[in-house]
C-alpha atoms as a PDB file:
ATOM      1  CA  MET A   1      -0.219 -30.242 -11.229  1.00  0.00           C
ATOM      2  CA  ALA A   2      -3.321 -29.571 -13.651  1.00  0.00           C
ATOM      3  CA  ILE A   3      -6.179 -27.855 -12.203  1.00  0.00           C
ATOM      4  CA  LYS A   4      -9.279 -29.519 -13.332  1.00  0.00           C
ATOM      5  CA  LEU A   5     -11.874 -26.547 -13.729  1.00  0.00           C
ATOM      6  CA  ASN A   6     -14.975 -28.997 -13.877  1.00  0.00           C
ATOM      7  CA  LYS A   7     -13.991 -30.710 -10.496  1.00  0.00           C
ATOM      8  CA  ALA A   8     -14.563 -29.670  -7.339  1.00  0.00           C
ATOM      9  CA  PHE A   9     -11.900 -29.878  -4.451  1.00  0.00           C
ATOM     10  CA  ASN A  10      -8.743 -30.016  -6.735  1.00  0.00           C
ATOM     11  CA  ASP A  11      -5.284 -30.211  -5.010  1.00  0.00           C
ATOM     12  CA  LEU A  12      -4.925 -26.265  -5.399  1.00  0.00           C
ATOM     13  CA  PRO A  13      -1.893 -24.623  -4.453  1.00  0.00           C
ATOM     14  CA  PHE A  14      -1.438 -22.717  -0.998  1.00  0.00           C
ATOM     15  CA  LEU A  15      -1.915 -19.223  -0.853  1.00  0.00           C
ATOM     16  CA  PRO A  16      -0.223 -16.818  -1.374  1.00  0.00           C
ATOM     17  CA  PRO A  17       1.094 -18.015  -4.674  1.00  0.00           C
ATOM     18  CA  LYS A  18       4.509 -17.859  -5.567  1.00  0.00           C
ATOM     19  CA  GLN A  19       5.869 -14.345  -6.366  1.00  0.00           C
ATOM     20  CA  SER A  20       7.231 -15.581  -9.691  1.00  0.00           C
ATOM     21  CA  LEU A  21       3.643 -16.639 -10.706  1.00  0.00           C
ATOM     22  CA  VAL A  22       2.152 -13.306  -9.698  1.00  0.00           C
ATOM     23  CA  GLU A  23       4.760 -10.607 -10.725  1.00  0.00           C
ATOM     24  CA  THR A  24       5.187 -11.583 -14.519  1.00  0.00           C
ATOM     25  CA  ILE A  25       6.436  -9.178 -17.170  1.00  0.00           C
ATOM     26  CA  ALA A  26       2.619  -9.046 -18.551  1.00  0.00           C
ATOM     27  CA  ILE A  27       1.215  -8.437 -15.276  1.00  0.00           C
ATOM     28  CA  LEU A  28       3.712  -5.822 -14.385  1.00  0.00           C
ATOM     29  CA  LYS A  29       3.132  -3.809 -17.885  1.00  0.00           C
ATOM     30  CA  GLN A  30      -0.849  -4.241 -17.196  1.00  0.00           C
ATOM     31  CA  GLU A  31      -0.352  -2.925 -13.939  1.00  0.00           C
ATOM     32  CA  SER A  32       1.418   0.361 -15.216  1.00  0.00           C
ATOM     33  CA  LYS A  33      -1.290   0.803 -17.866  1.00  0.00           C
ATOM     34  CA  SER A  34      -4.136   0.432 -15.333  1.00  0.00           C
ATOM     35  CA  ALA A  35      -2.038   3.152 -12.864  1.00  0.00           C
ATOM     36  CA  VAL A  36      -2.031   5.486 -15.670  1.00  0.00           C
ATOM     37  CA  ALA A  37      -5.634   4.838 -16.693  1.00  0.00           C
ATOM     38  CA  LEU A  38      -6.746   5.378 -13.010  1.00  0.00           C
ATOM     39  CA  ALA A  39      -4.794   8.872 -13.055  1.00  0.00           C
ATOM     40  CA  GLU A  40      -6.532  10.152 -16.165  1.00  0.00           C
ATOM     41  CA  LEU A  41     -10.093   9.209 -14.645  1.00  0.00           C
ATOM     42  CA  LYS A  42      -9.302  10.992 -11.378  1.00  0.00           C
ATOM     43  CA  GLY A  43      -8.511  13.841 -13.210  1.00  0.00           C
ATOM     44  CA  LEU A  44     -11.312  13.799 -15.418  1.00  0.00           C
ATOM     45  CA  THR A  45     -13.530  13.162 -12.658  1.00  0.00           C
ATOM     46  CA  ASN A  46     -12.404  16.418 -11.141  1.00  0.00           C
ATOM     47  CA  THR A  47     -13.824  18.191 -14.208  1.00  0.00           C
ATOM     48  CA  LEU A  48     -17.429  16.986 -13.655  1.00  0.00           C
ATOM     49  CA  PRO A  49     -19.871  19.412 -12.087  1.00  0.00           C
ATOM     50  CA  ASN A  50     -20.954  16.707  -9.504  1.00  0.00           C
ATOM     51  CA  PRO A  51     -17.967  13.973  -9.177  1.00  0.00           C
ATOM     52  CA  ASN A  52     -20.017  12.013  -6.794  1.00  0.00           C
ATOM     53  CA  ILE A  53     -22.300  10.750  -9.751  1.00  0.00           C
ATOM     54  CA  LEU A  54     -19.507   9.060 -11.041  1.00  0.00           C
ATOM     55  CA  ILE A  55     -18.746   7.406  -7.916  1.00  0.00           C
ATOM     56  CA  ASN A  56     -22.344   6.579  -6.714  1.00  0.00           C
ATOM     57  CA  ALA A  57     -22.594   4.855 -10.448  1.00  0.00           C
ATOM     58  CA  VAL A  58     -19.636   2.510  -9.982  1.00  0.00           C
ATOM     59  CA  ILE A  59     -20.792   1.656  -6.311  1.00  0.00           C
ATOM     60  CA  LEU A  60     -24.204   1.108  -7.476  1.00  0.00           C
ATOM     61  CA  LYS A  61     -23.173  -1.236 -10.056  1.00  0.00           C
ATOM     62  CA  GLU A  62     -20.947  -3.106  -7.636  1.00  0.00           C
ATOM     63  CA  ALA A  63     -23.812  -3.501  -5.044  1.00  0.00           C
ATOM     64  CA  GLN A  64     -25.605  -4.770  -7.981  1.00  0.00           C
ATOM     65  CA  ALA A  65     -23.077  -7.511  -9.238  1.00  0.00           C
ATOM     66  CA  SER A  66     -22.005  -8.458  -5.823  1.00  0.00           C
ATOM     67  CA  SER A  67     -25.650  -8.998  -4.878  1.00  0.00           C
ATOM     68  CA  GLY A  68     -26.358 -11.026  -8.069  1.00  0.00           C
ATOM     69  CA  ILE A  69     -23.930 -13.744  -6.935  1.00  0.00           C
ATOM     70  CA  GLU A  70     -26.235 -14.329  -3.956  1.00  0.00           C
ATOM     71  CA  ASN A  71     -29.063 -14.543  -6.237  1.00  0.00           C
ATOM     72  CA  VAL A  72     -30.469 -11.303  -5.214  1.00  0.00           C
ATOM     73  CA  ILE A  73     -31.625  -9.920  -8.760  1.00  0.00           C
ATOM     74  CA  THR A  74     -32.614  -6.337  -9.740  1.00  0.00           C
ATOM     75  CA  THR A  75     -32.061  -3.934 -12.634  1.00  0.00           C
ATOM     76  CA  GLN A  76     -30.117  -0.319 -12.618  1.00  0.00           C
ATOM     77  CA  ASP A  77     -33.561   1.030 -13.620  1.00  0.00           C
ATOM     78  CA  LYS A  78     -35.471  -0.004 -10.376  1.00  0.00           C
ATOM     79  CA  LEU A  79     -32.052   0.941  -8.613  1.00  0.00           C
ATOM     80  CA  TYR A  80     -32.149   4.434  -9.732  1.00  0.00           C
ATOM     81  CA  GLN A  81     -35.850   4.944  -9.414  1.00  0.00           C
ATOM     82  CA  ALA A  82     -35.533   3.753  -6.030  1.00  0.00           C
ATOM     83  CA  LEU A  83     -32.667   6.373  -5.127  1.00  0.00           C
ATOM     84  CA  TYR A  84     -34.281   9.216  -7.107  1.00  0.00           C
ATOM     85  CA  THR A  85     -37.991   8.873  -7.307  1.00  0.00           C
ATOM     86  CA  LYS A  86     -39.787   9.387  -3.886  1.00  0.00           C
ATOM     87  CA  SER A  87     -43.098   7.824  -5.039  1.00  0.00           C
ATOM     88  CA  ALA A  88     -41.247   4.567  -6.140  1.00  0.00           C
ATOM     89  CA  LYS A  89     -41.651   1.694  -3.661  1.00  0.00           C
ATOM     90  CA  PRO A  90     -38.694  -0.601  -4.404  1.00  0.00           C
ATOM     91  CA  ASP A  91     -39.183  -4.161  -4.145  1.00  0.00           C
ATOM     92  CA  VAL A  92     -37.182  -6.791  -1.533  1.00  0.00           C
ATOM     93  CA  ALA A  93     -34.347  -7.137  -4.038  1.00  0.00           C
ATOM     94  CA  THR A  94     -33.589  -3.664  -4.850  1.00  0.00           C
ATOM     95  CA  LYS A  95     -33.986  -2.364  -0.955  1.00  0.00           C
ATOM     96  CA  GLU A  96     -31.259  -5.119  -0.416  1.00  0.00           C
ATOM     97  CA  VAL A  97     -29.004  -4.001  -3.012  1.00  0.00           C
ATOM     98  CA  LEU A  98     -29.240  -0.166  -1.922  1.00  0.00           C
ATOM     99  CA  ARG A  99     -28.313  -1.550   1.632  1.00  0.00           C
ATOM    100  CA  TYR A 100     -25.036  -3.094   0.304  1.00  0.00           C
ATOM    101  CA  ARG A 101     -24.473   0.074  -1.699  1.00  0.00           C
ATOM    102  CA  GLN A 102     -24.865   2.200   1.770  1.00  0.00           C
ATOM    103  CA  ALA A 103     -22.839  -0.460   3.400  1.00  0.00           C
ATOM    104  CA  LEU A 104     -20.083   0.238   0.617  1.00  0.00           C
ATOM    105  CA  LEU A 105     -20.299   4.136   1.238  1.00  0.00           C
ATOM    106  CA  MET A 106     -19.935   3.667   4.959  1.00  0.00           C
ATOM    107  CA  GLY A 107     -17.057   1.492   4.854  1.00  0.00           C
ATOM    108  CA  THR A 108     -15.317   3.949   2.507  1.00  0.00           C
ATOM    109  CA  LEU A 109     -16.151   6.690   4.664  1.00  0.00           C
ATOM    110  CA  LEU A 110     -14.910   4.793   7.892  1.00  0.00           C
ATOM    111  CA  ILE A 111     -11.460   4.316   5.860  1.00  0.00           C
ATOM    112  CA  LYS A 112     -11.375   7.729   4.855  1.00  0.00           C
ATOM    113  CA  GLU A 113     -11.959   9.073   8.512  1.00  0.00           C
ATOM    114  CA  LYS A 114      -9.389   6.572  10.499  1.00  0.00           C
ATOM    115  CA  GLY A 115      -7.313   5.753   7.567  1.00  0.00           C
ATOM    116  CA  PHE A 116      -7.987   1.835   8.454  1.00  0.00           C
ATOM    117  CA  LEU A 117     -10.868  -0.259   8.779  1.00  0.00           C
ATOM    118  CA  ASN A 118     -10.989  -1.879  12.325  1.00  0.00           C
ATOM    119  CA  THR A 119     -13.315  -4.841  13.816  1.00  0.00           C
ATOM    120  CA  ASN A 120     -15.426  -2.045  14.798  1.00  0.00           C
ATOM    121  CA  GLY A 121     -15.806  -0.617  11.599  1.00  0.00           C
ATOM    122  CA  ILE A 122     -16.554  -3.904  10.115  1.00  0.00           C
ATOM    123  CA  ILE A 123     -19.508  -4.826  12.807  1.00  0.00           C
ATOM    124  CA  SER A 124     -20.703  -1.176  11.787  1.00  0.00           C
ATOM    125  CA  ILE A 125     -20.764  -2.412   8.139  1.00  0.00           C
ATOM    126  CA  GLN A 126     -22.407  -5.539   9.061  1.00  0.00           C
ATOM    127  CA  ASN A 127     -25.005  -3.859  10.805  1.00  0.00           C
ATOM    128  CA  GLU A 128     -25.986  -1.667   7.815  1.00  0.00           C
ATOM    129  CA  LEU A 129     -26.463  -4.738   5.747  1.00  0.00           C
END
């Protein structure tokens, strides 16, 4: 079956994909390299005076990128100004991205506390948004 990228509603294969399509040698090799890189990053993060700076930067970038999909556009400069400058009045898009960031942090905290994410946790995250 050929998938036509410029045509909607192709006859796509059912999910989940066959294991033989997912667990290829190339993917498994990359998985191993990624695990090593993440372990190195975790080790280096602990050498930072404040590891939360790195974590916050990643979460903020994710919030910005995910919001951009919904056509909520802001810049990293506006986000950091809104976070770290008390006199800055953020625009609507920046406020929305910051709420998304807060919801991500809330979800992470809920998972750390309970070890899982339940329906009540998802509702709490949605309320934050």
